[in-house]
Amino acid sequence: MKKLVKTLLLVLFFILTTTHTQAVVYMNDDAKRGDTKKVITLTGFVDYAPIGQMRDLNYTYSPYDNIFEPLMADFANLYNLELSYIYKNNYPALVREVRSGKIDIILGIYHETKIYNGIDYVFPAILNNPITVIMLPERIDEVKTVEDLRKLKGAISSKEWLSDYVTSELEYFQVEKLPDYNEIFEKLFTGEIDYAFVSQYAGLIATAKLGLRNKVSFSKQTIWNMPLFIGVSKMSKNRKYLLPRLIKFCEDAKNKQKLEEHLIKTVNQIEQEYVGAVPPDYAK
């Protein structure tokens, strides 16, 4: 009987020891998994300040700025991720790489816009990109409604990235596309056009750089509002991991507010940088 009891105690000891050893191994494995960061690739606009831009499109290794960077850094810290930004001077090619799954996330895309087919939208939108009107100060009060603009001549920069909806709406206005903001403002000051459509933040930066910030007026009325979403590639191997976490992250009002504050601060800094810029001759 004593032998039987000793045998049972010995078996129980081995079971407990083995279980403890396994628990230690599992615990160490979890620690190792926690130390390993998942690498997530991201991209965005490359020629659309302040949303996203390469500082020099002609230089392959140009520094890249994206308005979403601080927000995504918070997201990465929250989930122990390593972020890798991929960019080059061909934005449509970058979008194709997102669709194919070579890039996981794209920052700042428009809803129901063909170029972004094959990409999951993270709802809700985390930022808005409003389209407004710039006119000469003495004429800004001429426009009371959007209908008033249809009777006038306008222009828009071909560097503006627009949603398909806004692009279709432009067909109802007398608007010509021009390659750069300088040409637009020259036509505005010489009377060849009556107004210019601009996305608000890009317009503020363009007028500041040209020394025109105090020589033109922005309409208080938003003509179109273009919500900007974070997008996740449907072909990404990390899609199932990223999508629910990004949705939860974007639903937090504090994150949206932080991004908006960062955007306004960035625009203000650029405006301050160009205080004293000499306006072109046509504006004098």
C-alpha atoms as a PDB file:
ATOM      1  CA  MET A   1       0.000   0.000   0.000  1.00  0.00           C
ATOM      2  CA  LYS A   2       2.873   2.349   0.957  1.00  0.00           C
ATOM      3  CA  LYS A   3       4.559   1.580  -2.355  1.00  0.00           C
ATOM      4  CA  LEU A   4       1.347   2.446  -4.219  1.00  0.00           C
ATOM      5  CA  VAL A   5       1.064   5.794  -2.388  1.00  0.00           C
ATOM      6  CA  LYS A   6       4.722   6.606  -3.113  1.00  0.00           C
ATOM      7  CA  THR A   7       4.226   5.743  -6.774  1.00  0.00           C
ATOM      8  CA  LEU A   8       1.168   7.971  -7.048  1.00  0.00           C
ATOM      9  CA  LEU A   9       2.963  10.868  -5.334  1.00  0.00           C
ATOM     10  CA  LEU A  10       5.912  10.434  -7.684  1.00  0.00           C
ATOM     11  CA  VAL A  11       3.631  10.506 -10.763  1.00  0.00           C
ATOM     12  CA  LEU A  12       1.851  13.601  -9.421  1.00  0.00           C
ATOM     13  CA  PHE A  13       5.226  15.312  -8.863  1.00  0.00           C
ATOM     14  CA  PHE A  14       6.269  14.659 -12.483  1.00  0.00           C
ATOM     15  CA  ILE A  15       2.937  15.941 -13.791  1.00  0.00           C
ATOM     16  CA  LEU A  16       3.190  19.175 -11.807  1.00  0.00           C
ATOM     17  CA  THR A  17       6.832  19.684 -12.763  1.00  0.00           C
ATOM     18  CA  THR A  18       6.105  19.118 -16.446  1.00  0.00           C
ATOM     19  CA  THR A  19       3.104  21.474 -16.384  1.00  0.00           C
ATOM     20  CA  HIS A  20       5.193  24.161 -14.691  1.00  0.00           C
ATOM     21  CA  THR A  21       7.948  23.751 -17.293  1.00  0.00           C
ATOM     22  CA  GLN A  22       5.452  24.011 -20.138  1.00  0.00           C
ATOM     23  CA  ALA A  23       3.933  27.131 -18.582  1.00  0.00           C
ATOM     24  CA  VAL A  24       7.357  28.763 -18.440  1.00  0.00           C
ATOM     25  CA  VAL A  25       8.014  27.884 -22.073  1.00  0.00           C
ATOM     26  CA  TYR A  26       4.645  29.284 -23.202  1.00  0.00           C
ATOM     27  CA  MET A  27       5.211  32.425 -21.153  1.00  0.00           C
ATOM     28  CA  ASN A  28       8.601  32.958 -22.756  1.00  0.00           C
ATOM     29  CA  ASP A  29       7.112  32.390 -26.212  1.00  0.00           C
ATOM     30  CA  ASP A  30       4.489  35.073 -25.511  1.00  0.00           C
ATOM     31  CA  ALA A  31       7.221  37.451 -24.402  1.00  0.00           C
ATOM     32  CA  LYS A  32       9.111  36.786 -27.613  1.00  0.00           C
ATOM     33  CA  ARG A  33       5.984  37.420 -29.692  1.00  0.00           C
ATOM     34  CA  GLY A  34       5.456  40.685 -27.812  1.00  0.00           C
ATOM     35  CA  ASP A  35       8.994  41.848 -28.631  1.00  0.00           C
ATOM     36  CA  THR A  36       8.590  41.163 -32.364  1.00  0.00           C
ATOM     37  CA  LYS A  37       7.076  44.123 -34.179  1.00  0.00           C
ATOM     38  CA  LYS A  38       4.825  43.557 -37.171  1.00  0.00           C
ATOM     39  CA  VAL A  39       6.049  45.675 -40.094  1.00  0.00           C
ATOM     40  CA  ILE A  40       3.288  47.687 -41.774  1.00  0.00           C
ATOM     41  CA  THR A  41       3.839  49.555 -45.045  1.00  0.00           C
ATOM     42  CA  LEU A  42       2.086  52.855 -45.779  1.00  0.00           C
ATOM     43  CA  THR A  43       1.822  55.432 -48.541  1.00  0.00           C
ATOM     44  CA  GLY A  44      -0.164  58.516 -49.496  1.00  0.00           C
ATOM     45  CA  PHE A  45      -0.219  61.598 -51.733  1.00  0.00           C
ATOM     46  CA  VAL A  46       3.223  62.649 -52.906  1.00  0.00           C
ATOM     47  CA  ASP A  47       2.486  66.070 -54.447  1.00  0.00           C
ATOM     48  CA  TYR A  48      -0.396  67.429 -52.405  1.00  0.00           C
ATOM     49  CA  ALA A  49       0.800  69.534 -49.484  1.00  0.00           C
ATOM     50  CA  PRO A  50      -0.019  69.510 -46.658  1.00  0.00           C
ATOM     51  CA  ILE A  51      -1.773  66.111 -46.897  1.00  0.00           C
ATOM     52  CA  GLY A  52       1.240  64.308 -48.350  1.00  0.00           C
ATOM     53  CA  GLN A  53       4.273  65.390 -50.324  1.00  0.00           C
ATOM     54  CA  MET A  54       7.785  64.567 -51.413  1.00  0.00           C
ATOM     55  CA  ARG A  55       9.713  67.799 -50.954  1.00  0.00           C
ATOM     56  CA  ASP A  56      11.400  67.290 -54.309  1.00  0.00           C
ATOM     57  CA  LEU A  57       9.588  65.137 -56.874  1.00  0.00           C
ATOM     58  CA  ASN A  58      12.716  65.043 -59.041  1.00  0.00           C
ATOM     59  CA  TYR A  59      14.821  63.467 -56.308  1.00  0.00           C
ATOM     60  CA  THR A  60      14.184  59.775 -55.586  1.00  0.00           C
ATOM     61  CA  TYR A  61      15.295  59.983 -51.961  1.00  0.00           C
ATOM     62  CA  SER A  62      13.570  63.260 -51.209  1.00  0.00           C
ATOM     63  CA  PRO A  63      12.236  63.622 -47.629  1.00  0.00           C
ATOM     64  CA  TYR A  64       8.571  62.696 -47.375  1.00  0.00           C
ATOM     65  CA  ASP A  65       5.972  64.464 -45.240  1.00  0.00           C
ATOM     66  CA  ASN A  66       2.505  63.125 -44.499  1.00  0.00           C
ATOM     67  CA  ILE A  67      -0.017  64.875 -42.279  1.00  0.00           C
ATOM     68  CA  PHE A  68      -1.102  61.488 -40.868  1.00  0.00           C
ATOM     69  CA  GLU A  69       2.367  60.565 -39.552  1.00  0.00           C
ATOM     70  CA  PRO A  70       1.925  61.583 -35.870  1.00  0.00           C
ATOM     71  CA  LEU A  71      -1.475  59.883 -35.756  1.00  0.00           C
ATOM     72  CA  MET A  72      -0.122  56.666 -37.265  1.00  0.00           C
ATOM     73  CA  ALA A  73       2.815  56.767 -34.852  1.00  0.00           C
ATOM     74  CA  ASP A  74       0.260  56.660 -32.007  1.00  0.00           C
ATOM     75  CA  PHE A  75      -1.479  53.731 -33.697  1.00  0.00           C
ATOM     76  CA  ALA A  76       1.843  51.922 -34.080  1.00  0.00           C
ATOM     77  CA  ASN A  77       2.738  52.436 -30.424  1.00  0.00           C
ATOM     78  CA  LEU A  78      -0.677  51.173 -29.358  1.00  0.00           C
ATOM     79  CA  TYR A  79      -0.271  47.875 -31.222  1.00  0.00           C
ATOM     80  CA  ASN A  80       3.522  47.497 -31.180  1.00  0.00           C
ATOM     81  CA  LEU A  81       3.925  47.975 -34.937  1.00  0.00           C
ATOM     82  CA  GLU A  82       6.827  49.148 -37.070  1.00  0.00           C
ATOM     83  CA  LEU A  83       5.821  51.566 -39.845  1.00  0.00           C
ATOM     84  CA  SER A  84       7.577  51.780 -43.187  1.00  0.00           C
ATOM     85  CA  TYR A  85       6.563  54.583 -45.580  1.00  0.00           C
ATOM     86  CA  ILE A  86       6.842  53.834 -49.283  1.00  0.00           C
ATOM     87  CA  TYR A  87       6.742  56.684 -51.786  1.00  0.00           C
ATOM     88  CA  LYS A  88       7.875  57.702 -55.242  1.00  0.00           C
ATOM     89  CA  ASN A  89       6.905  60.443 -57.665  1.00  0.00           C
ATOM     90  CA  ASN A  90       4.181  58.368 -59.339  1.00  0.00           C
ATOM     91  CA  TYR A  91       1.083  58.394 -57.136  1.00  0.00           C
ATOM     92  CA  PRO A  92      -1.137  56.219 -59.398  1.00  0.00           C
ATOM     93  CA  ALA A  93       1.607  53.557 -59.343  1.00  0.00           C
ATOM     94  CA  LEU A  94       1.606  53.650 -55.535  1.00  0.00           C
ATOM     95  CA  VAL A  95      -2.179  53.191 -55.493  1.00  0.00           C
ATOM     96  CA  ARG A  96      -1.783  50.129 -57.748  1.00  0.00           C
ATOM     97  CA  GLU A  97       0.739  48.687 -55.275  1.00  0.00           C
ATOM     98  CA  VAL A  98      -1.815  49.139 -52.499  1.00  0.00           C
ATOM     99  CA  ARG A  99      -4.468  47.348 -54.562  1.00  0.00           C
ATOM    100  CA  SER A 100      -2.067  44.470 -55.238  1.00  0.00           C
ATOM    101  CA  GLY A 101      -1.212  44.091 -51.552  1.00  0.00           C
ATOM    102  CA  LYS A 102       2.413  45.228 -51.803  1.00  0.00           C
ATOM    103  CA  ILE A 103       1.518  48.177 -49.555  1.00  0.00           C
ATOM    104  CA  ASP A 104      -0.797  47.678 -46.576  1.00  0.00           C
ATOM    105  CA  ILE A 105      -2.227  51.157 -45.900  1.00  0.00           C
ATOM    106  CA  ILE A 106      -2.909  54.294 -47.934  1.00  0.00           C
ATOM    107  CA  LEU A 107      -3.508  57.537 -46.061  1.00  0.00           C
ATOM    108  CA  GLY A 108      -6.131  59.938 -47.380  1.00  0.00           C
ATOM    109  CA  ILE A 109      -8.484  58.483 -50.001  1.00  0.00           C
ATOM    110  CA  TYR A 110     -11.859  59.633 -51.320  1.00  0.00           C
ATOM    111  CA  HIS A 111     -15.018  57.550 -51.107  1.00  0.00           C
ATOM    112  CA  GLU A 112     -16.577  56.144 -54.300  1.00  0.00           C
ATOM    113  CA  THR A 113     -13.609  57.241 -56.404  1.00  0.00           C
ATOM    114  CA  LYS A 114     -12.547  54.823 -59.118  1.00  0.00           C
ATOM    115  CA  ILE A 115      -8.800  54.988 -58.549  1.00  0.00           C
ATOM    116  CA  TYR A 116      -9.325  53.462 -55.091  1.00  0.00           C
ATOM    117  CA  ASN A 117     -11.289  50.389 -56.219  1.00  0.00           C
ATOM    118  CA  GLY A 118      -9.917  47.306 -54.476  1.00  0.00           C
ATOM    119  CA  ILE A 119      -9.180  49.161 -51.242  1.00  0.00           C
ATOM    120  CA  ASP A 120     -11.170  48.885 -48.004  1.00  0.00           C
ATOM    121  CA  TYR A 121     -12.273  52.187 -46.470  1.00  0.00           C
ATOM    122  CA  VAL A 122     -11.781  52.647 -42.748  1.00  0.00           C
ATOM    123  CA  PHE A 123     -14.958  54.265 -41.452  1.00  0.00           C
ATOM    124  CA  PRO A 124     -15.457  56.895 -40.200  1.00  0.00           C
ATOM    125  CA  ALA A 125     -13.465  59.432 -42.220  1.00  0.00           C
ATOM    126  CA  ILE A 126     -10.644  60.820 -40.103  1.00  0.00           C
ATOM    127  CA  LEU A 127     -10.304  64.201 -41.860  1.00  0.00           C
ATOM    128  CA  ASN A 128     -12.131  66.521 -44.279  1.00  0.00           C
ATOM    129  CA  ASN A 129     -10.632  68.291 -47.284  1.00  0.00           C
ATOM    130  CA  PRO A 130     -13.040  71.142 -48.172  1.00  0.00           C
ATOM    131  CA  ILE A 131     -13.135  72.846 -51.565  1.00  0.00           C
ATOM    132  CA  THR A 132     -13.652  76.593 -51.399  1.00  0.00           C
ATOM    133  CA  VAL A 133     -13.354  79.661 -53.655  1.00  0.00           C
ATOM    134  CA  ILE A 134     -10.650  82.330 -53.915  1.00  0.00           C
ATOM    135  CA  MET A 135     -11.478  85.730 -55.370  1.00  0.00           C
ATOM    136  CA  LEU A 136     -10.082  89.245 -55.274  1.00  0.00           C
ATOM    137  CA  PRO A 137     -11.201  90.939 -52.014  1.00  0.00           C
ATOM    138  CA  GLU A 138     -13.258  93.596 -53.794  1.00  0.00           C
ATOM    139  CA  ARG A 139     -15.274  90.917 -55.626  1.00  0.00           C
ATOM    140  CA  ILE A 140     -15.802  88.246 -52.993  1.00  0.00           C
ATOM    141  CA  ASP A 141     -19.195  89.668 -51.945  1.00  0.00           C
ATOM    142  CA  GLU A 142     -20.528  89.271 -55.487  1.00  0.00           C
ATOM    143  CA  VAL A 143     -21.036  85.567 -54.853  1.00  0.00           C
ATOM    144  CA  LYS A 144     -23.914  84.776 -52.509  1.00  0.00           C
ATOM    145  CA  THR A 145     -24.689  81.238 -53.672  1.00  0.00           C
ATOM    146  CA  VAL A 146     -23.065  78.459 -55.672  1.00  0.00           C
ATOM    147  CA  GLU A 147     -25.417  79.351 -58.538  1.00  0.00           C
ATOM    148  CA  ASP A 148     -23.700  82.753 -58.832  1.00  0.00           C
ATOM    149  CA  LEU A 149     -20.452  80.977 -59.694  1.00  0.00           C
ATOM    150  CA  ARG A 150     -21.986  79.224 -62.688  1.00  0.00           C
ATOM    151  CA  LYS A 151     -22.268  82.591 -64.460  1.00  0.00           C
ATOM    152  CA  LEU A 152     -18.578  83.389 -63.926  1.00  0.00           C
ATOM    153  CA  LYS A 153     -15.272  82.071 -65.280  1.00  0.00           C
ATOM    154  CA  GLY A 154     -13.149  79.982 -62.967  1.00  0.00           C
ATOM    155  CA  ALA A 155     -10.042  77.825 -62.817  1.00  0.00           C
ATOM    156  CA  ILE A 156      -8.643  74.971 -60.781  1.00  0.00           C
ATOM    157  CA  SER A 157      -5.150  73.539 -60.473  1.00  0.00           C
ATOM    158  CA  SER A 158      -4.449  70.213 -62.155  1.00  0.00           C
ATOM    159  CA  LYS A 159      -2.443  69.421 -58.986  1.00  0.00           C
ATOM    160  CA  GLU A 160      -5.640  69.194 -56.958  1.00  0.00           C
ATOM    161  CA  TRP A 161      -6.613  65.612 -56.085  1.00  0.00           C
ATOM    162  CA  LEU A 162     -10.395  65.426 -56.212  1.00  0.00           C
ATOM    163  CA  SER A 163     -13.091  62.863 -55.535  1.00  0.00           C
ATOM    164  CA  ASP A 164     -15.007  61.559 -58.548  1.00  0.00           C
ATOM    165  CA  TYR A 165     -18.100  63.351 -57.270  1.00  0.00           C
ATOM    166  CA  VAL A 166     -16.401  66.766 -57.234  1.00  0.00           C
ATOM    167  CA  THR A 167     -14.860  66.101 -60.644  1.00  0.00           C
ATOM    168  CA  SER A 168     -18.328  65.413 -62.060  1.00  0.00           C
ATOM    169  CA  GLU A 169     -19.739  68.545 -60.403  1.00  0.00           C
ATOM    170  CA  LEU A 170     -17.104  70.742 -62.050  1.00  0.00           C
ATOM    171  CA  GLU A 171     -18.716  70.019 -65.415  1.00  0.00           C
ATOM    172  CA  TYR A 172     -21.540  72.394 -64.458  1.00  0.00           C
ATOM    173  CA  PHE A 173     -19.149  75.334 -64.119  1.00  0.00           C
ATOM    174  CA  GLN A 174     -17.050  77.322 -66.573  1.00  0.00           C
ATOM    175  CA  VAL A 175     -13.770  76.046 -65.164  1.00  0.00           C
ATOM    176  CA  GLU A 176     -10.431  75.495 -66.868  1.00  0.00           C
ATOM    177  CA  LYS A 177      -7.652  73.343 -65.457  1.00  0.00           C
ATOM    178  CA  LEU A 178      -4.273  75.039 -65.208  1.00  0.00           C
ATOM    179  CA  PRO A 179      -0.949  73.384 -64.390  1.00  0.00           C
ATOM    180  CA  ASP A 180       0.106  75.560 -61.463  1.00  0.00           C
ATOM    181  CA  TYR A 181      -1.202  78.037 -58.912  1.00  0.00           C
ATOM    182  CA  ASN A 182       0.954  80.896 -60.181  1.00  0.00           C
ATOM    183  CA  GLU A 183      -0.797  80.817 -63.555  1.00  0.00           C
ATOM    184  CA  ILE A 184      -4.185  80.668 -61.852  1.00  0.00           C
ATOM    185  CA  PHE A 185      -3.517  83.724 -59.724  1.00  0.00           C
ATOM    186  CA  GLU A 186      -2.031  85.668 -62.619  1.00  0.00           C
ATOM    187  CA  LYS A 187      -5.280  85.131 -64.547  1.00  0.00           C
ATOM    188  CA  LEU A 188      -7.251  86.096 -61.452  1.00  0.00           C
ATOM    189  CA  PHE A 189      -5.414  89.399 -60.996  1.00  0.00           C
ATOM    190  CA  THR A 190      -5.486  90.259 -64.692  1.00  0.00           C
ATOM    191  CA  GLY A 191      -9.220  89.596 -64.895  1.00  0.00           C
ATOM    192  CA  GLU A 192      -9.098  86.608 -67.258  1.00  0.00           C
ATOM    193  CA  ILE A 193     -10.929  84.549 -64.633  1.00  0.00           C
ATOM    194  CA  ASP A 194     -13.265  85.618 -61.842  1.00  0.00           C
ATOM    195  CA  TYR A 195     -12.428  83.001 -59.227  1.00  0.00           C
ATOM    196  CA  ALA A 196     -10.452  79.853 -58.472  1.00  0.00           C
ATOM    197  CA  PHE A 197     -11.581  76.620 -56.864  1.00  0.00           C
ATOM    198  CA  VAL A 198      -9.020  75.395 -54.308  1.00  0.00           C
ATOM    199  CA  SER A 199      -8.901  72.802 -51.586  1.00  0.00           C
ATOM    200  CA  GLN A 200      -8.713  74.977 -48.507  1.00  0.00           C
ATOM    201  CA  TYR A 201      -5.418  73.800 -47.007  1.00  0.00           C
ATOM    202  CA  ALA A 202      -3.544  73.515 -50.318  1.00  0.00           C
ATOM    203  CA  GLY A 203      -4.884  76.963 -51.253  1.00  0.00           C
ATOM    204  CA  LEU A 204      -3.668  78.516 -47.997  1.00  0.00           C
ATOM    205  CA  ILE A 205      -0.191  77.120 -48.570  1.00  0.00           C
ATOM    206  CA  ALA A 206      -0.093  78.152 -52.241  1.00  0.00           C
ATOM    207  CA  THR A 207      -1.104  81.764 -51.496  1.00  0.00           C
ATOM    208  CA  ALA A 208       1.382  81.969 -48.611  1.00  0.00           C
ATOM    209  CA  LYS A 209       4.294  80.764 -50.742  1.00  0.00           C
ATOM    210  CA  LEU A 210       3.441  83.281 -53.491  1.00  0.00           C
ATOM    211  CA  GLY A 211       3.112  86.182 -51.044  1.00  0.00           C
ATOM    212  CA  LEU A 212      -0.594  86.531 -51.901  1.00  0.00           C
ATOM    213  CA  ARG A 213      -2.154  85.507 -48.597  1.00  0.00           C
ATOM    214  CA  ASN A 214      -3.295  89.058 -47.778  1.00  0.00           C
ATOM    215  CA  LYS A 215      -4.160  89.981 -51.342  1.00  0.00           C
ATOM    216  CA  VAL A 216      -6.932  87.451 -51.980  1.00  0.00           C
ATOM    217  CA  SER A 217     -10.066  86.395 -50.118  1.00  0.00           C
ATOM    218  CA  PHE A 218     -11.296  82.888 -49.346  1.00  0.00           C
ATOM    219  CA  SER A 219     -15.021  82.255 -49.409  1.00  0.00           C
ATOM    220  CA  LYS A 220     -16.470  81.432 -46.012  1.00  0.00           C
ATOM    221  CA  GLN A 221     -18.731  78.928 -47.733  1.00  0.00           C
ATOM    222  CA  THR A 222     -17.519  75.404 -48.410  1.00  0.00           C
ATOM    223  CA  ILE A 223     -18.500  74.426 -51.953  1.00  0.00           C
ATOM    224  CA  TRP A 224     -17.815  70.710 -51.551  1.00  0.00           C
ATOM    225  CA  ASN A 225     -16.523  68.729 -48.622  1.00  0.00           C
ATOM    226  CA  MET A 226     -14.325  65.755 -49.458  1.00  0.00           C
ATOM    227  CA  PRO A 227     -13.960  63.324 -46.518  1.00  0.00           C
ATOM    228  CA  LEU A 228     -10.537  61.696 -46.363  1.00  0.00           C
ATOM    229  CA  PHE A 229     -10.359  58.068 -45.272  1.00  0.00           C
ATOM    230  CA  ILE A 230      -7.585  55.712 -44.328  1.00  0.00           C
ATOM    231  CA  GLY A 231      -7.549  52.782 -46.749  1.00  0.00           C
ATOM    232  CA  VAL A 232      -6.413  49.173 -46.285  1.00  0.00           C
ATOM    233  CA  SER A 233      -5.516  46.926 -49.201  1.00  0.00           C
ATOM    234  CA  LYS A 234      -7.990  44.090 -49.668  1.00  0.00           C
ATOM    235  CA  MET A 235      -5.032  41.956 -50.786  1.00  0.00           C
ATOM    236  CA  SER A 236      -2.834  42.794 -47.794  1.00  0.00           C
ATOM    237  CA  LYS A 237      -1.736  39.837 -45.678  1.00  0.00           C
ATOM    238  CA  ASN A 238      -2.292  42.135 -42.669  1.00  0.00           C
ATOM    239  CA  ARG A 239      -5.824  43.194 -43.679  1.00  0.00           C
ATOM    240  CA  LYS A 240      -7.707  41.142 -41.062  1.00  0.00           C
ATOM    241  CA  TYR A 241      -5.380  42.399 -38.355  1.00  0.00           C
ATOM    242  CA  LEU A 242      -5.408  46.077 -39.372  1.00  0.00           C
ATOM    243  CA  LEU A 243      -8.992  46.767 -40.397  1.00  0.00           C
ATOM    244  CA  PRO A 244     -10.832  46.277 -37.058  1.00  0.00           C
ATOM    245  CA  ARG A 245      -8.069  48.021 -35.114  1.00  0.00           C
ATOM    246  CA  LEU A 246      -8.020  51.014 -37.443  1.00  0.00           C
ATOM    247  CA  ILE A 247     -11.821  51.297 -37.298  1.00  0.00           C
ATOM    248  CA  LYS A 248     -11.688  51.387 -33.513  1.00  0.00           C
ATOM    249  CA  PHE A 249      -8.844  53.921 -33.660  1.00  0.00           C
ATOM    250  CA  CYS A 250     -10.681  56.230 -36.085  1.00  0.00           C
ATOM    251  CA  GLU A 251     -13.881  56.049 -34.048  1.00  0.00           C
ATOM    252  CA  ASP A 252     -12.061  57.744 -31.168  1.00  0.00           C
ATOM    253  CA  ALA A 253     -12.949  61.452 -31.395  1.00  0.00           C
ATOM    254  CA  LYS A 254      -9.678  62.353 -29.652  1.00  0.00           C
ATOM    255  CA  ASN A 255      -7.657  60.942 -32.550  1.00  0.00           C
ATOM    256  CA  LYS A 256      -9.673  62.909 -35.106  1.00  0.00           C
ATOM    257  CA  GLN A 257      -9.241  66.090 -33.073  1.00  0.00           C
ATOM    258  CA  LYS A 258      -5.513  65.508 -32.731  1.00  0.00           C
ATOM    259  CA  LEU A 259      -5.146  65.126 -36.493  1.00  0.00           C
ATOM    260  CA  GLU A 260      -7.144  68.281 -37.202  1.00  0.00           C
ATOM    261  CA  GLU A 261      -5.065  70.263 -34.714  1.00  0.00           C
ATOM    262  CA  HIS A 262      -1.852  68.963 -36.275  1.00  0.00           C
ATOM    263  CA  LEU A 263      -3.100  69.953 -39.741  1.00  0.00           C
ATOM    264  CA  ILE A 264      -3.948  73.507 -38.657  1.00  0.00           C
ATOM    265  CA  LYS A 265      -0.622  73.840 -36.842  1.00  0.00           C
ATOM    266  CA  THR A 266       1.255  72.653 -39.948  1.00  0.00           C
ATOM    267  CA  VAL A 267      -0.528  75.146 -42.215  1.00  0.00           C
ATOM    268  CA  ASN A 268       0.115  77.970 -39.727  1.00  0.00           C
ATOM    269  CA  GLN A 269       3.820  77.089 -39.564  1.00  0.00           C
ATOM    270  CA  ILE A 270       4.117  77.197 -43.345  1.00  0.00           C
ATOM    271  CA  GLU A 271       2.281  80.525 -43.474  1.00  0.00           C
ATOM    272  CA  GLN A 272       4.669  81.954 -40.881  1.00  0.00           C
ATOM    273  CA  GLU A 273       7.647  80.641 -42.835  1.00  0.00           C
ATOM    274  CA  TYR A 274       6.587  82.667 -45.877  1.00  0.00           C
ATOM    275  CA  VAL A 275       5.610  85.881 -44.105  1.00  0.00           C
ATOM    276  CA  GLY A 276       7.271  88.669 -46.085  1.00  0.00           C
ATOM    277  CA  ALA A 277       7.324  86.717 -49.354  1.00  0.00           C
ATOM    278  CA  VAL A 278       7.326  89.201 -52.231  1.00  0.00           C
ATOM    279  CA  PRO A 279       4.215  88.795 -54.397  1.00  0.00           C
ATOM    280  CA  PRO A 280       4.560  88.481 -58.192  1.00  0.00           C
ATOM    281  CA  ASP A 281       4.419  91.651 -60.309  1.00  0.00           C
ATOM    282  CA  TYR A 282       0.873  90.944 -61.434  1.00  0.00           C
ATOM    283  CA  ALA A 283      -0.321  91.370 -57.829  1.00  0.00           C
ATOM    284  CA  LYS A 284       1.382  94.695 -57.166  1.00  0.00           C
END
